[in-house]
Amino acid sequence: MNLMSGHSKWHNIQAKKSKTDAQKAKIFTKMSREIILAVRDGGPNPDSNAKLASLIAKAKANNVPNDNLKRVIERASGSADGANYESITYEGHGPSGVAVIVEAMTDNRNRTASEVRHAFDKFGGSLGVTGCVSWSFDQKGVLVIERGDLDEDKVMMDAIESGADEFEATDETFEITTAPDDFDSVLEALEKLGYSFIEAEVEMVPQTYVTLGEEDKVKMQKMLDLLEDSDDVQEVWHNWDEEE
């Protein structure tokens, strides 16, 4: 268990929590594609479908109502919805060489590639080949608990005993990191102990972060906004230090 301080995710979480209802609806629409594919590939039971279990945890962290989740899973179980969707990952650089990974799910490769390339080109970035930046990221399970009135020592011990790799306490959160293969078991163990999460998913975590000048900050944010506006884009990972 590594207790050393890492890069706090609270800034990003605050941004997610402040999203409008329309933006939250868009997030769930995107997540529905992932859930449909997960059910198609591994069945509707999260106990035997680790991918689905992870997506349910992620949806709950984004405050998706249980009824909505249930409807999507039932629809995916009883139909061929999502049969034409496929996952594609793009890699490239944003302004000043920021490393960017874009995870998409699409039923039209050409449309998605065009939208992603346009976002990079418009704001001073460049789309690269597979592997050009992913080497500088580590895949990790990330669980974030709102601090509230929780006792830090107890949460830390629960995380250790559940199999977590790292624990970081900030003023507002407890941030728990796991190996990707341990994410589901740690999540399940902590849920059984009564914890709920404001972030819960396997992420691409940068090994190092870069800072930007004021002009490139604006370009980078506009690029991220444009990528997020695409219905096909599921996640965008980058190593821009947004807390600078």
C-alpha atoms as a PDB file:
ATOM      1  CA  MET A   1       0.000   0.000   0.000  1.00  0.00           C
ATOM      2  CA  ASN A   2       1.492   3.278  -1.125  1.00  0.00           C
ATOM      3  CA  LEU A   3       0.375   6.220   1.019  1.00  0.00           C
ATOM      4  CA  MET A   4       2.398   8.841  -0.776  1.00  0.00           C
ATOM      5  CA  SER A   5       0.591  11.865  -2.107  1.00  0.00           C
ATOM      6  CA  GLY A   6      -0.350  11.761  -5.754  1.00  0.00           C
ATOM      7  CA  HIS A   7      -2.051  14.051  -8.217  1.00  0.00           C
ATOM      8  CA  SER A   8      -5.441  14.990  -6.822  1.00  0.00           C
ATOM      9  CA  LYS A   9      -8.436  14.341  -9.034  1.00  0.00           C
ATOM     10  CA  TRP A  10     -10.773  16.618  -7.062  1.00  0.00           C
ATOM     11  CA  HIS A  11     -10.654  19.408  -9.653  1.00  0.00           C
ATOM     12  CA  ASN A  12     -11.924  17.053 -12.345  1.00  0.00           C
ATOM     13  CA  ILE A  13     -14.576  15.600 -10.041  1.00  0.00           C
ATOM     14  CA  GLN A  14     -15.892  19.044  -9.157  1.00  0.00           C
ATOM     15  CA  ALA A  15     -16.199  19.795 -12.865  1.00  0.00           C
ATOM     16  CA  LYS A  16     -18.167  16.594 -13.393  1.00  0.00           C
ATOM     17  CA  LYS A  17     -20.458  17.268 -10.437  1.00  0.00           C
ATOM     18  CA  SER A  18     -21.292  20.737 -11.758  1.00  0.00           C
ATOM     19  CA  LYS A  19     -22.444  19.543 -15.160  1.00  0.00           C
ATOM     20  CA  THR A  20     -25.902  20.594 -16.300  1.00  0.00           C
ATOM     21  CA  ASP A  21     -28.804  18.159 -16.520  1.00  0.00           C
ATOM     22  CA  ALA A  22     -28.441  18.127 -20.306  1.00  0.00           C
ATOM     23  CA  GLN A  23     -24.764  17.206 -19.996  1.00  0.00           C
ATOM     24  CA  LYS A  24     -25.576  14.480 -17.470  1.00  0.00           C
ATOM     25  CA  ALA A  25     -28.188  13.067 -19.849  1.00  0.00           C
ATOM     26  CA  LYS A  26     -25.550  12.995 -22.586  1.00  0.00           C
ATOM     27  CA  ILE A  27     -23.150  11.131 -20.291  1.00  0.00           C
ATOM     28  CA  PHE A  28     -25.783   8.465 -19.648  1.00  0.00           C
ATOM     29  CA  THR A  29     -26.558   8.193 -23.368  1.00  0.00           C
ATOM     30  CA  LYS A  30     -22.880   7.470 -23.997  1.00  0.00           C
ATOM     31  CA  MET A  31     -22.671   5.032 -21.100  1.00  0.00           C
ATOM     32  CA  SER A  32     -25.729   3.192 -22.421  1.00  0.00           C
ATOM     33  CA  ARG A  33     -23.711   2.160 -25.476  1.00  0.00           C
ATOM     34  CA  GLU A  34     -21.018   0.679 -23.252  1.00  0.00           C
ATOM     35  CA  ILE A  35     -23.584  -1.138 -21.110  1.00  0.00           C
ATOM     36  CA  ILE A  36     -25.338  -2.559 -24.173  1.00  0.00           C
ATOM     37  CA  LEU A  37     -22.045  -3.890 -25.533  1.00  0.00           C
ATOM     38  CA  ALA A  38     -21.056  -5.319 -22.154  1.00  0.00           C
ATOM     39  CA  VAL A  39     -24.382  -7.148 -21.827  1.00  0.00           C
ATOM     40  CA  ARG A  40     -24.116  -8.426 -25.388  1.00  0.00           C
ATOM     41  CA  ASP A  41     -20.623  -9.753 -24.765  1.00  0.00           C
ATOM     42  CA  GLY A  42     -20.936 -11.059 -21.209  1.00  0.00           C
ATOM     43  CA  GLY A  43     -24.591 -11.300 -20.246  1.00  0.00           C
ATOM     44  CA  PRO A  44     -26.856  -9.186 -18.007  1.00  0.00           C
ATOM     45  CA  ASN A  45     -25.631 -10.452 -14.616  1.00  0.00           C
ATOM     46  CA  PRO A  46     -22.967  -8.164 -13.098  1.00  0.00           C
ATOM     47  CA  ASP A  47     -21.926 -10.968 -10.724  1.00  0.00           C
ATOM     48  CA  SER A  48     -20.556 -12.911 -13.684  1.00  0.00           C
ATOM     49  CA  ASN A  49     -19.825  -9.960 -15.986  1.00  0.00           C
ATOM     50  CA  ALA A  50     -16.973  -7.871 -14.564  1.00  0.00           C
ATOM     51  CA  LYS A  51     -17.189  -5.258 -17.316  1.00  0.00           C
ATOM     52  CA  LEU A  52     -20.877  -4.689 -16.614  1.00  0.00           C
ATOM     53  CA  ALA A  53     -20.204  -4.470 -12.868  1.00  0.00           C
ATOM     54  CA  SER A  54     -17.590  -1.779 -13.502  1.00  0.00           C
ATOM     55  CA  LEU A  55     -19.956   0.186 -15.726  1.00  0.00           C
ATOM     56  CA  ILE A  56     -22.726   0.011 -13.132  1.00  0.00           C
ATOM     57  CA  ALA A  57     -20.320   1.407 -10.519  1.00  0.00           C
ATOM     58  CA  LYS A  58     -19.304   4.172 -12.915  1.00  0.00           C
ATOM     59  CA  ALA A  59     -22.962   4.979 -13.645  1.00  0.00           C
ATOM     60  CA  LYS A  60     -23.806   5.163  -9.944  1.00  0.00           C
ATOM     61  CA  ALA A  61     -20.844   7.486  -9.375  1.00  0.00           C
ATOM     62  CA  ASN A  62     -22.401   9.726 -12.047  1.00  0.00           C
ATOM     63  CA  ASN A  63     -25.740   9.621 -10.180  1.00  0.00           C
ATOM     64  CA  VAL A  64     -27.549   7.573 -12.829  1.00  0.00           C
ATOM     65  CA  PRO A  65     -30.833   6.325 -11.293  1.00  0.00           C
ATOM     66  CA  ASN A  66     -31.112   2.564 -10.756  1.00  0.00           C
ATOM     67  CA  ASP A  67     -34.316   2.457 -12.821  1.00  0.00           C
ATOM     68  CA  ASN A  68     -32.490   3.887 -15.832  1.00  0.00           C
ATOM     69  CA  LEU A  69     -29.724   1.311 -15.470  1.00  0.00           C
ATOM     70  CA  LYS A  70     -32.231  -1.499 -15.157  1.00  0.00           C
ATOM     71  CA  ARG A  71     -34.068  -0.416 -18.311  1.00  0.00           C
ATOM     72  CA  VAL A  72     -30.884  -0.286 -20.383  1.00  0.00           C
ATOM     73  CA  ILE A  73     -29.752  -3.721 -19.189  1.00  0.00           C
ATOM     74  CA  GLU A  74     -33.176  -5.213 -19.861  1.00  0.00           C
ATOM     75  CA  ARG A  75     -33.278  -3.638 -23.328  1.00  0.00           C
ATOM     76  CA  ALA A  76     -29.818  -4.953 -24.135  1.00  0.00           C
ATOM     77  CA  SER A  77     -30.778  -8.432 -22.916  1.00  0.00           C
ATOM     78  CA  GLY A  78     -33.848  -8.642 -25.084  1.00  0.00           C
ATOM     79  CA  SER A  79     -32.720  -7.085 -28.323  1.00  0.00           C
ATOM     80  CA  ALA A  80     -29.885  -6.683 -30.768  1.00  0.00           C
ATOM     81  CA  ASP A  81     -29.289  -3.067 -29.735  1.00  0.00           C
ATOM     82  CA  GLY A  82     -25.659  -2.136 -30.022  1.00  0.00           C
ATOM     83  CA  ALA A  83     -24.802  -5.024 -32.319  1.00  0.00           C
ATOM     84  CA  ASN A  84     -23.078  -2.646 -34.749  1.00  0.00           C
ATOM     85  CA  TYR A  85     -21.128  -0.653 -32.186  1.00  0.00           C
ATOM     86  CA  GLU A  86     -17.376  -1.124 -31.889  1.00  0.00           C
ATOM     87  CA  SER A  87     -14.751   0.358 -29.618  1.00  0.00           C
ATOM     88  CA  ILE A  88     -11.939   2.413 -31.148  1.00  0.00           C
ATOM     89  CA  THR A  89      -9.075   4.247 -29.428  1.00  0.00           C
ATOM     90  CA  TYR A  90      -7.325   7.273 -30.935  1.00  0.00           C
ATOM     91  CA  GLU A  91      -4.060   8.791 -29.717  1.00  0.00           C
ATOM     92  CA  GLY A  92      -2.431  12.117 -30.403  1.00  0.00           C
ATOM     93  CA  HIS A  93      -1.115  15.396 -29.046  1.00  0.00           C
ATOM     94  CA  GLY A  94      -2.941  18.550 -28.051  1.00  0.00           C
ATOM     95  CA  PRO A  95      -1.502  22.068 -27.782  1.00  0.00           C
ATOM     96  CA  SER A  96       2.128  22.157 -26.590  1.00  0.00           C
ATOM     97  CA  GLY A  97       2.390  18.385 -26.920  1.00  0.00           C
ATOM     98  CA  VAL A  98      -0.211  17.359 -24.331  1.00  0.00           C
ATOM     99  CA  ALA A  99      -0.686  13.587 -24.591  1.00  0.00           C
ATOM    100  CA  VAL A 100      -4.301  12.692 -25.416  1.00  0.00           C
ATOM    101  CA  ILE A 101      -6.128   9.349 -25.615  1.00  0.00           C
ATOM    102  CA  VAL A 102      -9.681   9.291 -26.972  1.00  0.00           C
ATOM    103  CA  GLU A 103     -11.858   6.236 -26.398  1.00  0.00           C
ATOM    104  CA  ALA A 104     -14.817   6.034 -28.760  1.00  0.00           C
ATOM    105  CA  MET A 105     -17.701   3.691 -29.417  1.00  0.00           C
ATOM    106  CA  THR A 106     -19.225   3.978 -32.872  1.00  0.00           C
ATOM    107  CA  ASP A 107     -21.331   2.409 -35.582  1.00  0.00           C
ATOM    108  CA  ASN A 108     -19.528   4.488 -38.228  1.00  0.00           C
ATOM    109  CA  ARG A 109     -15.725   4.521 -38.139  1.00  0.00           C
ATOM    110  CA  ASN A 110     -15.373   7.180 -40.834  1.00  0.00           C
ATOM    111  CA  ARG A 111     -17.677   9.643 -39.077  1.00  0.00           C
ATOM    112  CA  THR A 112     -15.937   9.219 -35.740  1.00  0.00           C
ATOM    113  CA  ALA A 113     -12.423   9.460 -37.153  1.00  0.00           C
ATOM    114  CA  SER A 114     -13.402  12.652 -38.980  1.00  0.00           C
ATOM    115  CA  GLU A 115     -14.875  14.236 -35.818  1.00  0.00           C
ATOM    116  CA  VAL A 116     -11.872  13.329 -33.672  1.00  0.00           C
ATOM    117  CA  ARG A 117      -9.348  14.523 -36.260  1.00  0.00           C
ATOM    118  CA  HIS A 118     -11.265  17.797 -36.678  1.00  0.00           C
ATOM    119  CA  ALA A 119     -11.103  18.469 -32.923  1.00  0.00           C
ATOM    120  CA  PHE A 120      -7.340  17.885 -32.850  1.00  0.00           C
ATOM    121  CA  ASP A 121      -6.621  19.928 -35.981  1.00  0.00           C
ATOM    122  CA  LYS A 122      -8.851  22.871 -35.064  1.00  0.00           C
ATOM    123  CA  PHE A 123      -7.054  23.634 -31.809  1.00  0.00           C
ATOM    124  CA  GLY A 124      -3.423  23.040 -32.650  1.00  0.00           C
ATOM    125  CA  GLY A 125      -3.212  19.328 -31.980  1.00  0.00           C
ATOM    126  CA  SER A 126      -2.351  16.370 -34.167  1.00  0.00           C
ATOM    127  CA  LEU A 127      -3.759  12.856 -34.343  1.00  0.00           C
ATOM    128  CA  GLY A 128      -1.078  10.172 -34.174  1.00  0.00           C
ATOM    129  CA  VAL A 129      -0.698   6.430 -34.566  1.00  0.00           C
ATOM    130  CA  THR A 130      -1.706   3.781 -32.047  1.00  0.00           C
ATOM    131  CA  GLY A 131       0.815   3.673 -29.212  1.00  0.00           C
ATOM    132  CA  CYS A 132       2.247   7.155 -29.764  1.00  0.00           C
ATOM    133  CA  VAL A 133       1.212   8.382 -26.290  1.00  0.00           C
ATOM    134  CA  SER A 134      -0.363   5.440 -24.439  1.00  0.00           C
ATOM    135  CA  TRP A 135       3.089   4.324 -23.289  1.00  0.00           C
ATOM    136  CA  SER A 136       3.128   7.351 -20.970  1.00  0.00           C
ATOM    137  CA  PHE A 137      -0.058   6.312 -19.149  1.00  0.00           C
ATOM    138  CA  ASP A 138      -0.712   3.535 -16.629  1.00  0.00           C
ATOM    139  CA  GLN A 139      -4.035   1.732 -16.420  1.00  0.00           C
ATOM    140  CA  LYS A 140      -5.346   1.882 -12.853  1.00  0.00           C
ATOM    141  CA  GLY A 141      -8.590   1.356 -11.010  1.00  0.00           C
ATOM    142  CA  VAL A 142      -9.608   4.609  -9.321  1.00  0.00           C
ATOM    143  CA  LEU A 143     -12.169   4.901  -6.525  1.00  0.00           C
ATOM    144  CA  VAL A 144     -12.923   8.277  -4.975  1.00  0.00           C
ATOM    145  CA  ILE A 145     -14.973   8.707  -1.801  1.00  0.00           C
ATOM    146  CA  GLU A 146     -16.249  12.067  -0.573  1.00  0.00           C
ATOM    147  CA  ARG A 147     -14.565  12.734   2.771  1.00  0.00           C
ATOM    148  CA  GLY A 148     -17.515  14.191   4.658  1.00  0.00           C
ATOM    149  CA  ASP A 149     -17.490  12.970   8.276  1.00  0.00           C
ATOM    150  CA  LEU A 150     -15.675   9.705   7.521  1.00  0.00           C
ATOM    151  CA  ASP A 151     -12.711   8.709   9.666  1.00  0.00           C
ATOM    152  CA  GLU A 152      -9.511   8.756   7.605  1.00  0.00           C
ATOM    153  CA  ASP A 153      -7.773   5.921   9.460  1.00  0.00           C
ATOM    154  CA  LYS A 154     -10.788   3.638   9.135  1.00  0.00           C
ATOM    155  CA  VAL A 155     -11.191   4.302   5.408  1.00  0.00           C
ATOM    156  CA  MET A 156      -7.467   3.704   4.901  1.00  0.00           C
ATOM    157  CA  MET A 157      -7.547   0.398   6.783  1.00  0.00           C
ATOM    158  CA  ASP A 158     -10.664  -0.716   4.896  1.00  0.00           C
ATOM    159  CA  ALA A 159      -8.940   0.122   1.613  1.00  0.00           C
ATOM    160  CA  ILE A 160      -5.801  -1.791   2.605  1.00  0.00           C
ATOM    161  CA  GLU A 161      -7.771  -4.841   3.702  1.00  0.00           C
ATOM    162  CA  SER A 162      -9.810  -4.728   0.493  1.00  0.00           C
ATOM    163  CA  GLY A 163      -6.635  -5.025  -1.600  1.00  0.00           C
ATOM    164  CA  ALA A 164      -6.015  -1.440  -2.747  1.00  0.00           C
ATOM    165  CA  ASP A 165      -2.547  -0.376  -3.936  1.00  0.00           C
ATOM    166  CA  GLU A 166      -2.579   3.310  -2.991  1.00  0.00           C
ATOM    167  CA  PHE A 167      -4.522   5.605  -0.666  1.00  0.00           C
ATOM    168  CA  GLU A 168      -4.490   9.381  -0.727  1.00  0.00           C
ATOM    169  CA  ALA A 169      -6.403  11.721   1.581  1.00  0.00           C
ATOM    170  CA  THR A 170      -7.193  15.261   0.426  1.00  0.00           C
ATOM    171  CA  ASP A 171      -9.254  17.964   2.112  1.00  0.00           C
ATOM    172  CA  GLU A 172     -12.399  16.832   0.283  1.00  0.00           C
ATOM    173  CA  THR A 173     -11.831  13.207  -0.748  1.00  0.00           C
ATOM    174  CA  PHE A 174     -10.226   9.841  -0.185  1.00  0.00           C
ATOM    175  CA  GLU A 175      -8.685   8.566  -3.414  1.00  0.00           C
ATOM    176  CA  ILE A 176      -8.038   4.831  -3.685  1.00  0.00           C
ATOM    177  CA  THR A 177      -6.037   3.249  -6.498  1.00  0.00           C
ATOM    178  CA  THR A 178      -5.972  -0.424  -7.498  1.00  0.00           C
ATOM    179  CA  ALA A 179      -4.383  -2.643 -10.097  1.00  0.00           C
ATOM    180  CA  PRO A 180      -6.800  -2.976 -13.055  1.00  0.00           C
ATOM    181  CA  ASP A 181      -7.416  -6.671 -12.335  1.00  0.00           C
ATOM    182  CA  ASP A 182      -8.176  -5.921  -8.671  1.00  0.00           C
ATOM    183  CA  PHE A 183     -10.624  -3.071  -9.326  1.00  0.00           C
ATOM    184  CA  ASP A 184     -13.806  -5.171  -9.238  1.00  0.00           C
ATOM    185  CA  SER A 185     -12.898  -7.054  -6.056  1.00  0.00           C
ATOM    186  CA  VAL A 186     -11.838  -3.888  -4.212  1.00  0.00           C
ATOM    187  CA  LEU A 187     -14.982  -2.090  -5.374  1.00  0.00           C
ATOM    188  CA  GLU A 188     -17.196  -4.965  -4.227  1.00  0.00           C
ATOM    189  CA  ALA A 189     -15.455  -5.214  -0.851  1.00  0.00           C
ATOM    190  CA  LEU A 190     -15.802  -1.481  -0.158  1.00  0.00           C
ATOM    191  CA  GLU A 191     -19.431  -1.421  -1.329  1.00  0.00           C
ATOM    192  CA  LYS A 192     -20.210  -4.221   1.131  1.00  0.00           C
ATOM    193  CA  LEU A 193     -18.722  -2.025   3.852  1.00  0.00           C
ATOM    194  CA  GLY A 194     -21.226   0.678   2.930  1.00  0.00           C
ATOM    195  CA  TYR A 195     -19.062   3.069   0.938  1.00  0.00           C
ATOM    196  CA  SER A 196     -20.397   4.985  -2.059  1.00  0.00           C
ATOM    197  CA  PHE A 197     -18.231   6.630  -4.682  1.00  0.00           C
ATOM    198  CA  ILE A 198     -18.093   9.903  -6.600  1.00  0.00           C
ATOM    199  CA  GLU A 199     -15.661   8.308  -9.050  1.00  0.00           C
ATOM    200  CA  ALA A 200     -15.322   4.601  -9.827  1.00  0.00           C
ATOM    201  CA  GLU A 201     -13.693   3.286 -12.990  1.00  0.00           C
ATOM    202  CA  VAL A 202     -10.540   1.917 -14.549  1.00  0.00           C
ATOM    203  CA  GLU A 203      -8.669   4.919 -15.913  1.00  0.00           C
ATOM    204  CA  MET A 204      -5.625   5.800 -17.959  1.00  0.00           C
ATOM    205  CA  VAL A 205      -3.502   7.690 -15.437  1.00  0.00           C
ATOM    206  CA  PRO A 206      -0.616   9.847 -16.758  1.00  0.00           C
ATOM    207  CA  GLN A 207       2.880   9.095 -15.488  1.00  0.00           C
ATOM    208  CA  THR A 208       3.704  12.812 -15.663  1.00  0.00           C
ATOM    209  CA  TYR A 209       1.702  16.005 -16.138  1.00  0.00           C
ATOM    210  CA  VAL A 210       2.387  19.093 -18.225  1.00  0.00           C
ATOM    211  CA  THR A 211       1.460  22.731 -17.651  1.00  0.00           C
ATOM    212  CA  LEU A 212       0.243  25.095 -20.358  1.00  0.00           C
ATOM    213  CA  GLY A 213       0.434  28.801 -21.062  1.00  0.00           C
ATOM    214  CA  GLU A 214      -2.773  30.833 -21.003  1.00  0.00           C
ATOM    215  CA  GLU A 215      -3.361  30.671 -24.770  1.00  0.00           C
ATOM    216  CA  ASP A 216      -2.849  26.904 -24.925  1.00  0.00           C
ATOM    217  CA  LYS A 217      -5.071  26.400 -21.867  1.00  0.00           C
ATOM    218  CA  VAL A 218      -7.937  27.939 -23.817  1.00  0.00           C
ATOM    219  CA  LYS A 219      -7.186  25.833 -26.901  1.00  0.00           C
ATOM    220  CA  MET A 220      -6.911  22.638 -24.878  1.00  0.00           C
ATOM    221  CA  GLN A 221     -10.199  23.231 -23.077  1.00  0.00           C
ATOM    222  CA  LYS A 222     -11.973  23.986 -26.358  1.00  0.00           C
ATOM    223  CA  MET A 223     -10.545  20.799 -27.870  1.00  0.00           C
ATOM    224  CA  LEU A 224     -11.778  18.747 -24.909  1.00  0.00           C
ATOM    225  CA  ASP A 225     -15.212  20.390 -25.105  1.00  0.00           C
ATOM    226  CA  LEU A 226     -15.495  19.612 -28.821  1.00  0.00           C
ATOM    227  CA  LEU A 227     -14.478  15.988 -28.280  1.00  0.00           C
ATOM    228  CA  GLU A 228     -16.972  15.662 -25.436  1.00  0.00           C
ATOM    229  CA  ASP A 229     -19.733  17.024 -27.661  1.00  0.00           C
ATOM    230  CA  SER A 230     -19.328  14.013 -29.963  1.00  0.00           C
ATOM    231  CA  ASP A 231     -21.858  11.296 -29.179  1.00  0.00           C
ATOM    232  CA  ASP A 232     -19.263   8.714 -30.232  1.00  0.00           C
ATOM    233  CA  VAL A 233     -16.552   9.783 -27.765  1.00  0.00           C
ATOM    234  CA  GLN A 234     -16.796   7.910 -24.469  1.00  0.00           C
ATOM    235  CA  GLU A 235     -13.697   9.069 -22.577  1.00  0.00           C
ATOM    236  CA  VAL A 236     -10.801  11.454 -23.079  1.00  0.00           C
ATOM    237  CA  TRP A 237      -7.618  10.933 -21.065  1.00  0.00           C
ATOM    238  CA  HIS A 238      -4.790  13.496 -21.092  1.00  0.00           C
ATOM    239  CA  ASN A 239      -1.817  14.681 -19.069  1.00  0.00           C
ATOM    240  CA  TRP A 240      -2.646  18.392 -18.901  1.00  0.00           C
ATOM    241  CA  ASP A 241      -2.360  19.569 -15.311  1.00  0.00           C
ATOM    242  CA  GLU A 242      -5.738  21.291 -14.991  1.00  0.00           C
ATOM    243  CA  GLU A 243      -5.045  22.267 -11.393  1.00  0.00           C
ATOM    244  CA  GLU A 244      -2.084  24.502 -12.233  1.00  0.00           C
END
